[in-house]
Amino acid sequence: MHLTRRGRFLLLGLPVLAALTMALLGALILAASWMNQAQASSSEAPGVEAQVVTVGAGDTLWSVAASVESEERTQVLIGQIAELNDLSGSELTPGQELFVPVD
């Protein structure tokens, strides 16, 4: 039996094309869901009254903590800022927004 070019496409190409389309659609849905979760977690401070501070050029965790009026020691504030913002290190990027606890 000999299939025409159109027959081969319908038999082999169309199912492959449909599977690739479904895989791409699934990946896009997962990526959108992940981005929504990341955005939601970065826009809400969990159960703590906080203000948002935008990091400037040359800012450090110490300078950000020292600029906040608080009764807490600067070292304690640094730990709270790191915890609120899920920071794994002390490196900050200009333009980065940080949650800073307020009294």
PDB file of N, CA and C in Angstrom:
ATOM      1  N   MET A   1       0.840  -1.163   0.000  1.00  0.00           N
ATOM      2  CA  MET A   1       0.000   0.000   0.000  1.00  0.00           C
ATOM      3  C   MET A   1       0.894   1.239   0.000  1.00  0.00           C
ATOM      4  N   HIS A   2       0.532   2.220  -0.781  1.00  0.00           N
ATOM      5  CA  HIS A   2       1.317   3.438  -0.918  1.00  0.00           C
ATOM      6  C   HIS A   2       0.458   4.639  -0.523  1.00  0.00           C
ATOM      7  N   LEU A   3       0.948   5.421   0.471  1.00  0.00           N
ATOM      8  CA  LEU A   3       0.210   6.607   0.906  1.00  0.00           C
ATOM      9  C   LEU A   3       0.671   7.823   0.123  1.00  0.00           C
ATOM     10  N   THR A   4      -0.262   8.692  -0.155  1.00  0.00           N
ATOM     11  CA  THR A   4       0.089   9.952  -0.805  1.00  0.00           C
ATOM     12  C   THR A   4       0.720  10.869   0.230  1.00  0.00           C
ATOM     13  N   ARG A   5       1.246  11.957  -0.229  1.00  0.00           N
ATOM     14  CA  ARG A   5       1.855  12.929   0.663  1.00  0.00           C
ATOM     15  C   ARG A   5       0.838  13.430   1.696  1.00  0.00           C
ATOM     16  N   ARG A   6      -0.353  13.714   1.248  1.00  0.00           N
ATOM     17  CA  ARG A   6      -1.418  14.175   2.145  1.00  0.00           C
ATOM     18  C   ARG A   6      -1.800  13.068   3.133  1.00  0.00           C
ATOM     19  N   GLY A   7      -1.826  11.861   2.703  1.00  0.00           N
ATOM     20  CA  GLY A   7      -2.157  10.739   3.571  1.00  0.00           C
ATOM     21  C   GLY A   7      -1.119  10.548   4.662  1.00  0.00           C
ATOM     22  N   ARG A   8       0.166  10.675   4.301  1.00  0.00           N
ATOM     23  CA  ARG A   8       1.228  10.570   5.301  1.00  0.00           C
ATOM     24  C   ARG A   8       1.117  11.686   6.331  1.00  0.00           C
ATOM     25  N   PHE A   9       0.796  12.889   5.861  1.00  0.00           N
ATOM     26  CA  PHE A   9       0.639  14.012   6.784  1.00  0.00           C
ATOM     27  C   PHE A   9      -0.513  13.762   7.751  1.00  0.00           C
ATOM     28  N   LEU A  10      -1.630  13.312   7.228  1.00  0.00           N
ATOM     29  CA  LEU A  10      -2.788  13.057   8.085  1.00  0.00           C
ATOM     30  C   LEU A  10      -2.520  11.919   9.065  1.00  0.00           C
ATOM     31  N   LEU A  11      -1.793  10.918   8.635  1.00  0.00           N
ATOM     32  CA  LEU A  11      -1.537   9.755   9.474  1.00  0.00           C
ATOM     33  C   LEU A  11      -0.458  10.020  10.527  1.00  0.00           C
ATOM     34  N   LEU A  12       0.596  10.744  10.157  1.00  0.00           N
ATOM     35  CA  LEU A  12       1.727  10.952  11.059  1.00  0.00           C
ATOM     36  C   LEU A  12       1.849  12.391  11.566  1.00  0.00           C
ATOM     37  N   GLY A  13       1.779  13.322  10.679  1.00  0.00           N
ATOM     38  CA  GLY A  13       2.049  14.717  11.029  1.00  0.00           C
ATOM     39  C   GLY A  13       0.991  15.368  11.893  1.00  0.00           C
ATOM     40  N   LEU A  14      -0.263  15.129  11.597  1.00  0.00           N
ATOM     41  CA  LEU A  14      -1.336  15.774  12.338  1.00  0.00           C
ATOM     42  C   LEU A  14      -1.354  15.368  13.811  1.00  0.00           C
ATOM     43  N   PRO A  15      -1.234  14.086  14.151  1.00  0.00           N
ATOM     44  CA  PRO A  15      -1.189  13.729  15.578  1.00  0.00           C
ATOM     45  C   PRO A  15       0.033  14.315  16.305  1.00  0.00           C
ATOM     46  N   VAL A  16       1.171  14.346  15.630  1.00  0.00           N
ATOM     47  CA  VAL A  16       2.371  14.924  16.238  1.00  0.00           C
ATOM     48  C   VAL A  16       2.169  16.414  16.464  1.00  0.00           C
ATOM     49  N   LEU A  17       1.611  17.107  15.494  1.00  0.00           N
ATOM     50  CA  LEU A  17       1.334  18.533  15.611  1.00  0.00           C
ATOM     51  C   LEU A  17       0.355  18.805  16.753  1.00  0.00           C
ATOM     52  N   ALA A  18      -0.666  17.979  16.883  1.00  0.00           N
ATOM     53  CA  ALA A  18      -1.641  18.137  17.965  1.00  0.00           C
ATOM     54  C   ALA A  18      -0.980  17.910  19.325  1.00  0.00           C
ATOM     55  N   ALA A  19      -0.125  16.909  19.438  1.00  0.00           N
ATOM     56  CA  ALA A  19       0.559  16.624  20.702  1.00  0.00           C
ATOM     57  C   ALA A  19       1.493  17.771  21.093  1.00  0.00           C
ATOM     58  N   LEU A  20       2.230  18.305  20.132  1.00  0.00           N
ATOM     59  CA  LEU A  20       3.120  19.432  20.410  1.00  0.00           C
ATOM     60  C   LEU A  20       2.335  20.667  20.839  1.00  0.00           C
ATOM     61  N   THR A  21       1.204  20.905  20.196  1.00  0.00           N
ATOM     62  CA  THR A  21       0.356  22.039  20.562  1.00  0.00           C
ATOM     63  C   THR A  21      -0.154  21.893  21.990  1.00  0.00           C
ATOM     64  N   MET A  22      -0.589  20.700  22.357  1.00  0.00           N
ATOM     65  CA  MET A  22      -1.085  20.462  23.713  1.00  0.00           C
ATOM     66  C   MET A  22       0.042  20.622  24.743  1.00  0.00           C
ATOM     67  N   ALA A  23       1.237  20.145  24.423  1.00  0.00           N
ATOM     68  CA  ALA A  23       2.367  20.276  25.339  1.00  0.00           C
ATOM     69  C   ALA A  23       2.733  21.748  25.536  1.00  0.00           C
ATOM     70  N   LEU A  24       2.740  22.516  24.471  1.00  0.00           N
ATOM     71  CA  LEU A  24       3.041  23.943  24.556  1.00  0.00           C
ATOM     72  C   LEU A  24       1.983  24.672  25.369  1.00  0.00           C
ATOM     73  N   LEU A  25       0.733  24.350  25.143  1.00  0.00           N
ATOM     74  CA  LEU A  25      -0.359  24.961  25.892  1.00  0.00           C
ATOM     75  C   LEU A  25      -0.239  24.632  27.380  1.00  0.00           C
ATOM     76  N   GLY A  26       0.071  23.394  27.703  1.00  0.00           N
ATOM     77  CA  GLY A  26       0.262  22.997  29.098  1.00  0.00           C
ATOM     78  C   GLY A  26       1.416  23.747  29.750  1.00  0.00           C
ATOM     79  N   ALA A  27       2.517  23.890  29.016  1.00  0.00           N
ATOM     80  CA  ALA A  27       3.674  24.614  29.546  1.00  0.00           C
ATOM     81  C   ALA A  27       3.334  26.080  29.795  1.00  0.00           C
ATOM     82  N   LEU A  28       2.579  26.694  28.897  1.00  0.00           N
ATOM     83  CA  LEU A  28       2.176  28.089  29.077  1.00  0.00           C
ATOM     84  C   LEU A  28       1.272  28.256  30.292  1.00  0.00           C
ATOM     85  N   ILE A  29       0.362  27.327  30.498  1.00  0.00           N
ATOM     86  CA  ILE A  29      -0.536  27.393  31.656  1.00  0.00           C
ATOM     87  C   ILE A  29       0.263  27.249  32.949  1.00  0.00           C
ATOM     88  N   LEU A  30       1.208  26.312  32.986  1.00  0.00           N
ATOM     89  CA  LEU A  30       2.047  26.141  34.174  1.00  0.00           C
ATOM     90  C   LEU A  30       2.895  27.379  34.444  1.00  0.00           C
ATOM     91  N   ALA A  31       3.461  27.965  33.399  1.00  0.00           N
ATOM     92  CA  ALA A  31       4.285  29.163  33.570  1.00  0.00           C
ATOM     93  C   ALA A  31       3.448  30.330  34.086  1.00  0.00           C
ATOM     94  N   ALA A  32       2.244  30.501  33.555  1.00  0.00           N
ATOM     95  CA  ALA A  32       1.369  31.580  34.014  1.00  0.00           C
ATOM     96  C   ALA A  32       0.982  31.376  35.474  1.00  0.00           C
ATOM     97  N   SER A  33       0.706  30.153  35.846  1.00  0.00           N
ATOM     98  CA  SER A  33       0.355  29.843  37.234  1.00  0.00           C
ATOM     99  C   SER A  33       1.530  30.130  38.163  1.00  0.00           C
ATOM    100  N   TRP A  34       2.714  29.723  37.773  1.00  0.00           N
ATOM    101  CA  TRP A  34       3.905  29.952  38.586  1.00  0.00           C
ATOM    102  C   TRP A  34       4.174  31.446  38.744  1.00  0.00           C
ATOM    103  N   MET A  35       4.030  32.216  37.653  1.00  0.00           N
ATOM    104  CA  MET A  35       4.267  33.655  37.713  1.00  0.00           C
ATOM    105  C   MET A  35       3.240  34.335  38.612  1.00  0.00           C
ATOM    106  N   ASN A  36       1.992  33.873  38.575  1.00  0.00           N
ATOM    107  CA  ASN A  36       0.960  34.424  39.450  1.00  0.00           C
ATOM    108  C   ASN A  36       1.313  34.196  40.908  1.00  0.00           C
ATOM    109  N   GLN A  37       1.773  32.998  41.239  1.00  0.00           N
ATOM    110  CA  GLN A  37       2.146  32.684  42.620  1.00  0.00           C
ATOM    111  C   GLN A  37       3.337  33.523  43.061  1.00  0.00           C
ATOM    112  N   ALA A  38       4.314  33.675  42.187  1.00  0.00           N
ATOM    113  CA  ALA A  38       5.496  34.463  42.529  1.00  0.00           C
ATOM    114  C   ALA A  38       5.127  35.924  42.742  1.00  0.00           C
ATOM    115  N   GLN A  39       4.262  36.447  41.893  1.00  0.00           N
ATOM    116  CA  GLN A  39       3.840  37.836  42.020  1.00  0.00           C
ATOM    117  C   GLN A  39       3.037  38.033  43.301  1.00  0.00           C
ATOM    118  N   ALA A  40       2.153  37.109  43.619  1.00  0.00           N
ATOM    119  CA  ALA A  40       1.339  37.226  44.829  1.00  0.00           C
ATOM    120  C   ALA A  40       2.210  37.168  46.072  1.00  0.00           C
ATOM    121  N   SER A  41       3.206  36.288  46.082  1.00  0.00           N
ATOM    122  CA  SER A  41       4.042  36.169  47.274  1.00  0.00           C
ATOM    123  C   SER A  41       4.974  37.360  47.430  1.00  0.00           C
ATOM    124  N   SER A  42       5.337  38.026  46.327  1.00  0.00           N
ATOM    125  CA  SER A  42       6.230  39.169  46.443  1.00  0.00           C
ATOM    126  C   SER A  42       5.479  40.462  46.699  1.00  0.00           C
ATOM    127  N   SER A  43       4.145  40.473  46.567  1.00  0.00           N
ATOM    128  CA  SER A  43       3.400  41.709  46.763  1.00  0.00           C
ATOM    129  C   SER A  43       2.672  41.756  48.094  1.00  0.00           C
ATOM    130  N   GLU A  44       2.846  40.753  48.925  1.00  0.00           N
ATOM    131  CA  GLU A  44       2.179  40.733  50.220  1.00  0.00           C
ATOM    132  C   GLU A  44       3.174  40.373  51.314  1.00  0.00           C
ATOM    133  N   ALA A  45       3.208  41.186  52.342  1.00  0.00           N
ATOM    134  CA  ALA A  45       4.032  40.859  53.497  1.00  0.00           C
ATOM    135  C   ALA A  45       3.190  40.002  54.435  1.00  0.00           C
ATOM    136  N   PRO A  46       3.670  38.826  54.799  1.00  0.00           N
ATOM    137  CA  PRO A  46       2.859  37.889  55.574  1.00  0.00           C
ATOM    138  C   PRO A  46       2.679  38.298  57.031  1.00  0.00           C
ATOM    139  N   GLY A  47       1.486  38.773  57.388  1.00  0.00           N
ATOM    140  CA  GLY A  47       1.108  39.015  58.769  1.00  0.00           C
ATOM    141  C   GLY A  47       1.941  40.018  59.547  1.00  0.00           C
ATOM    142  N   VAL A  48       2.697  40.866  58.894  1.00  0.00           N
ATOM    143  CA  VAL A  48       3.532  41.848  59.569  1.00  0.00           C
ATOM    144  C   VAL A  48       3.235  43.204  58.957  1.00  0.00           C
ATOM    145  N   GLU A  49       3.102  44.208  59.816  1.00  0.00           N
ATOM    146  CA  GLU A  49       2.918  45.552  59.284  1.00  0.00           C
ATOM    147  C   GLU A  49       4.258  46.007  58.719  1.00  0.00           C
ATOM    148  N   ALA A  50       4.262  46.353  57.444  1.00  0.00           N
ATOM    149  CA  ALA A  50       5.524  46.679  56.782  1.00  0.00           C
ATOM    150  C   ALA A  50       5.317  47.799  55.781  1.00  0.00           C
ATOM    151  N   GLN A  51       6.409  48.462  55.481  1.00  0.00           N
ATOM    152  CA  GLN A  51       6.408  49.450  54.406  1.00  0.00           C
ATOM    153  C   GLN A  51       7.319  48.936  53.299  1.00  0.00           C
ATOM    154  N   VAL A  52       7.082  49.407  52.095  1.00  0.00           N
ATOM    155  CA  VAL A  52       7.909  49.002  50.963  1.00  0.00           C
ATOM    156  C   VAL A  52       8.985  50.061  50.753  1.00  0.00           C
ATOM    157  N   VAL A  53      10.222  49.615  50.686  1.00  0.00           N
ATOM    158  CA  VAL A  53      11.360  50.498  50.454  1.00  0.00           C
ATOM    159  C   VAL A  53      12.030  50.063  49.158  1.00  0.00           C
ATOM    160  N   THR A  54      12.293  51.022  48.281  1.00  0.00           N
ATOM    161  CA  THR A  54      12.986  50.724  47.025  1.00  0.00           C
ATOM    162  C   THR A  54      14.482  50.918  47.231  1.00  0.00           C
ATOM    163  N   VAL A  55      15.245  49.912  46.884  1.00  0.00           N
ATOM    164  CA  VAL A  55      16.696  49.931  47.068  1.00  0.00           C
ATOM    165  C   VAL A  55      17.319  50.893  46.067  1.00  0.00           C
ATOM    166  N   GLY A  56      18.209  51.743  46.561  1.00  0.00           N
ATOM    167  CA  GLY A  56      18.938  52.665  45.704  1.00  0.00           C
ATOM    168  C   GLY A  56      20.344  52.148  45.440  1.00  0.00           C
ATOM    169  N   ALA A  57      21.047  52.823  44.545  1.00  0.00           N
ATOM    170  CA  ALA A  57      22.422  52.430  44.229  1.00  0.00           C
ATOM    171  C   ALA A  57      23.284  52.558  45.479  1.00  0.00           C
ATOM    172  N   GLY A  58      24.036  51.537  45.789  1.00  0.00           N
ATOM    173  CA  GLY A  58      24.927  51.545  46.940  1.00  0.00           C
ATOM    174  C   GLY A  58      24.272  51.181  48.259  1.00  0.00           C
ATOM    175  N   ASP A  59      22.959  50.962  48.256  1.00  0.00           N
ATOM    176  CA  ASP A  59      22.271  50.582  49.491  1.00  0.00           C
ATOM    177  C   ASP A  59      22.686  49.184  49.935  1.00  0.00           C
ATOM    178  N   THR A  60      22.725  49.001  51.234  1.00  0.00           N
ATOM    179  CA  THR A  60      22.991  47.698  51.839  1.00  0.00           C
ATOM    180  C   THR A  60      21.847  47.388  52.792  1.00  0.00           C
ATOM    181  N   LEU A  61      21.777  46.158  53.256  1.00  0.00           N
ATOM    182  CA  LEU A  61      20.763  45.827  54.257  1.00  0.00           C
ATOM    183  C   LEU A  61      20.935  46.707  55.491  1.00  0.00           C
ATOM    184  N   TRP A  62      22.176  46.962  55.858  1.00  0.00           N
ATOM    185  CA  TRP A  62      22.437  47.794  57.028  1.00  0.00           C
ATOM    186  C   TRP A  62      21.886  49.210  56.818  1.00  0.00           C
ATOM    187  N   SER A  63      22.163  49.821  55.652  1.00  0.00           N
ATOM    188  CA  SER A  63      21.696  51.193  55.418  1.00  0.00           C
ATOM    189  C   SER A  63      20.177  51.263  55.323  1.00  0.00           C
ATOM    190  N   VAL A  64      19.555  50.236  54.745  1.00  0.00           N
ATOM    191  CA  VAL A  64      18.089  50.206  54.676  1.00  0.00           C
ATOM    192  C   VAL A  64      17.516  50.096  56.082  1.00  0.00           C
ATOM    193  N   ALA A  65      18.060  49.193  56.890  1.00  0.00           N
ATOM    194  CA  ALA A  65      17.564  49.004  58.255  1.00  0.00           C
ATOM    195  C   ALA A  65      17.806  50.250  59.102  1.00  0.00           C
ATOM    196  N   ALA A  66      18.949  50.893  58.918  1.00  0.00           N
ATOM    197  CA  ALA A  66      19.282  52.083  59.704  1.00  0.00           C
ATOM    198  C   ALA A  66      18.399  53.272  59.334  1.00  0.00           C
ATOM    199  N   SER A  67      17.859  53.288  58.112  1.00  0.00           N
ATOM    200  CA  SER A  67      17.036  54.419  57.671  1.00  0.00           C
ATOM    201  C   SER A  67      15.604  54.352  58.193  1.00  0.00           C
ATOM    202  N   VAL A  68      15.236  53.232  58.790  1.00  0.00           N
ATOM    203  CA  VAL A  68      13.871  53.040  59.283  1.00  0.00           C
ATOM    204  C   VAL A  68      13.794  53.465  60.745  1.00  0.00           C
ATOM    205  N   GLU A  69      12.756  54.238  61.068  1.00  0.00           N
ATOM    206  CA  GLU A  69      12.547  54.604  62.469  1.00  0.00           C
ATOM    207  C   GLU A  69      11.944  53.407  63.186  1.00  0.00           C
ATOM    208  N   SER A  70      12.711  52.853  64.094  1.00  0.00           N
ATOM    209  CA  SER A  70      12.254  51.671  64.809  1.00  0.00           C
ATOM    210  C   SER A  70      12.950  51.598  66.157  1.00  0.00           C
ATOM    211  N   GLU A  71      12.293  50.944  67.095  1.00  0.00           N
ATOM    212  CA  GLU A  71      12.900  50.736  68.403  1.00  0.00           C
ATOM    213  C   GLU A  71      13.827  49.523  68.388  1.00  0.00           C
ATOM    214  N   GLU A  72      13.745  48.717  67.335  1.00  0.00           N
ATOM    215  CA  GLU A  72      14.599  47.530  67.209  1.00  0.00           C
ATOM    216  C   GLU A  72      16.026  47.946  66.869  1.00  0.00           C
ATOM    217  N   ARG A  73      16.977  47.126  67.300  1.00  0.00           N
ATOM    218  CA  ARG A  73      18.364  47.349  66.909  1.00  0.00           C
ATOM    219  C   ARG A  73      18.506  47.080  65.415  1.00  0.00           C
ATOM    220  N   THR A  74      19.462  47.729  64.800  1.00  0.00           N
ATOM    221  CA  THR A  74      19.678  47.583  63.358  1.00  0.00           C
ATOM    222  C   THR A  74      19.928  46.132  62.985  1.00  0.00           C
ATOM    223  N   GLN A  75      20.704  45.414  63.789  1.00  0.00           N
ATOM    224  CA  GLN A  75      21.001  44.011  63.484  1.00  0.00           C
ATOM    225  C   GLN A  75      19.737  43.164  63.494  1.00  0.00           C
ATOM    226  N   VAL A  76      18.823  43.437  64.418  1.00  0.00           N
ATOM    227  CA  VAL A  76      17.564  42.694  64.483  1.00  0.00           C
ATOM    228  C   VAL A  76      16.717  43.013  63.254  1.00  0.00           C
ATOM    229  N   LEU A  77      16.673  44.299  62.875  1.00  0.00           N
ATOM    230  CA  LEU A  77      15.913  44.694  61.685  1.00  0.00           C
ATOM    231  C   LEU A  77      16.443  44.024  60.424  1.00  0.00           C
ATOM    232  N   ILE A  78      17.757  43.903  60.319  1.00  0.00           N
ATOM    233  CA  ILE A  78      18.350  43.241  59.150  1.00  0.00           C
ATOM    234  C   ILE A  78      17.828  41.814  59.047  1.00  0.00           C
ATOM    235  N   GLY A  79      17.791  41.102  60.152  1.00  0.00           N
ATOM    236  CA  GLY A  79      17.264  39.737  60.152  1.00  0.00           C
ATOM    237  C   GLY A  79      15.797  39.692  59.763  1.00  0.00           C
ATOM    238  N   GLN A  80      15.011  40.651  60.269  1.00  0.00           N
ATOM    239  CA  GLN A  80      13.586  40.693  59.936  1.00  0.00           C
ATOM    240  C   GLN A  80      13.370  41.012  58.456  1.00  0.00           C
ATOM    241  N   ILE A  81      14.158  41.949  57.928  1.00  0.00           N
ATOM    242  CA  ILE A  81      14.048  42.303  56.507  1.00  0.00           C
ATOM    243  C   ILE A  81      14.404  41.099  55.642  1.00  0.00           C
ATOM    244  N   ALA A  82      15.483  40.416  55.990  1.00  0.00           N
ATOM    245  CA  ALA A  82      15.902  39.236  55.226  1.00  0.00           C
ATOM    246  C   ALA A  82      14.820  38.165  55.256  1.00  0.00           C
ATOM    247  N   GLU A  83      14.210  37.959  56.418  1.00  0.00           N
ATOM    248  CA  GLU A  83      13.170  36.934  56.538  1.00  0.00           C
ATOM    249  C   GLU A  83      11.905  37.327  55.773  1.00  0.00           C
ATOM    250  N   LEU A  84      11.482  38.585  55.903  1.00  0.00           N
ATOM    251  CA  LEU A  84      10.273  39.046  55.209  1.00  0.00           C
ATOM    252  C   LEU A  84      10.388  38.932  53.695  1.00  0.00           C
ATOM    253  N   ASN A  85      11.598  39.131  53.179  1.00  0.00           N
ATOM    254  CA  ASN A  85      11.803  39.173  51.734  1.00  0.00           C
ATOM    255  C   ASN A  85      12.449  37.914  51.177  1.00  0.00           C
ATOM    256  N   ASP A  86      12.565  36.875  52.002  1.00  0.00           N
ATOM    257  CA  ASP A  86      13.176  35.610  51.580  1.00  0.00           C
ATOM    258  C   ASP A  86      14.549  35.816  50.952  1.00  0.00           C
ATOM    259  N   LEU A  87      15.371  36.638  51.591  1.00  0.00           N
ATOM    260  CA  LEU A  87      16.717  36.898  51.077  1.00  0.00           C
ATOM    261  C   LEU A  87      17.663  35.814  51.579  1.00  0.00           C
ATOM    262  N   SER A  88      18.445  35.253  50.674  1.00  0.00           N
ATOM    263  CA  SER A  88      19.398  34.219  51.071  1.00  0.00           C
ATOM    264  C   SER A  88      20.783  34.804  51.323  1.00  0.00           C
ATOM    265  N   GLY A  89      21.012  36.017  50.866  1.00  0.00           N
ATOM    266  CA  GLY A  89      22.296  36.679  51.076  1.00  0.00           C
ATOM    267  C   GLY A  89      22.063  38.150  51.343  1.00  0.00           C
ATOM    268  N   SER A  90      23.131  38.921  51.316  1.00  0.00           N
ATOM    269  CA  SER A  90      23.008  40.345  51.620  1.00  0.00           C
ATOM    270  C   SER A  90      23.044  41.220  50.372  1.00  0.00           C
ATOM    271  N   GLU A  91      23.148  40.612  49.204  1.00  0.00           N
ATOM    272  CA  GLU A  91      23.254  41.383  47.968  1.00  0.00           C
ATOM    273  C   GLU A  91      21.905  41.977  47.579  1.00  0.00           C
ATOM    274  N   LEU A  92      21.887  43.298  47.343  1.00  0.00           N
ATOM    275  CA  LEU A  92      20.684  44.004  46.920  1.00  0.00           C
ATOM    276  C   LEU A  92      20.914  44.592  45.537  1.00  0.00           C
ATOM    277  N   THR A  93      19.822  44.776  44.798  1.00  0.00           N
ATOM    278  CA  THR A  93      19.883  45.322  43.452  1.00  0.00           C
ATOM    279  C   THR A  93      19.143  46.652  43.424  1.00  0.00           C
ATOM    280  N   PRO A  94      19.742  47.713  42.860  1.00  0.00           N
ATOM    281  CA  PRO A  94      19.016  48.982  42.762  1.00  0.00           C
ATOM    282  C   PRO A  94      17.674  48.783  42.056  1.00  0.00           C
ATOM    283  N   GLY A  95      16.624  49.361  42.638  1.00  0.00           N
ATOM    284  CA  GLY A  95      15.279  49.201  42.094  1.00  0.00           C
ATOM    285  C   GLY A  95      14.501  48.074  42.748  1.00  0.00           C
ATOM    286  N   GLN A  96      15.188  47.203  43.464  1.00  0.00           N
ATOM    287  CA  GLN A  96      14.537  46.094  44.167  1.00  0.00           C
ATOM    288  C   GLN A  96      13.651  46.667  45.270  1.00  0.00           C
ATOM    289  N   GLU A  97      12.463  46.096  45.438  1.00  0.00           N
ATOM    290  CA  GLU A  97      11.561  46.545  46.489  1.00  0.00           C
ATOM    291  C   GLU A  97      11.635  45.578  47.661  1.00  0.00           C
ATOM    292  N   LEU A  98      11.789  46.131  48.850  1.00  0.00           N
ATOM    293  CA  LEU A  98      11.901  45.328  50.066  1.00  0.00           C
ATOM    294  C   LEU A  98      10.780  45.678  51.035  1.00  0.00           C
ATOM    295  N   PHE A  99      10.245  44.664  51.703  1.00  0.00           N
ATOM    296  CA  PHE A  99       9.336  44.896  52.814  1.00  0.00           C
ATOM    297  C   PHE A  99      10.190  45.162  54.045  1.00  0.00           C
ATOM    298  N   VAL A 100       9.892  46.250  54.736  1.00  0.00           N
ATOM    299  CA  VAL A 100      10.614  46.613  55.944  1.00  0.00           C
ATOM    300  C   VAL A 100       9.591  46.753  57.067  1.00  0.00           C
ATOM    301  N   PRO A 101       9.766  46.009  58.176  1.00  0.00           N
ATOM    302  CA  PRO A 101       8.783  46.081  59.258  1.00  0.00           C
ATOM    303  C   PRO A 101       8.760  47.465  59.903  1.00  0.00           C
ATOM    304  N   VAL A 102       7.556  47.889  60.283  1.00  0.00           N
ATOM    305  CA  VAL A 102       7.398  49.167  60.980  1.00  0.00           C
ATOM    306  C   VAL A 102       6.787  48.903  62.344  1.00  0.00           C
ATOM    307  N   ASP A 103       7.086  49.780  63.293  1.00  0.00           N
ATOM    308  CA  ASP A 103       6.526  49.637  64.647  1.00  0.00           C
ATOM    309  C   ASP A 103       5.093  50.106  64.680  1.00  0.00           C
TER     310      ASP A 103
END
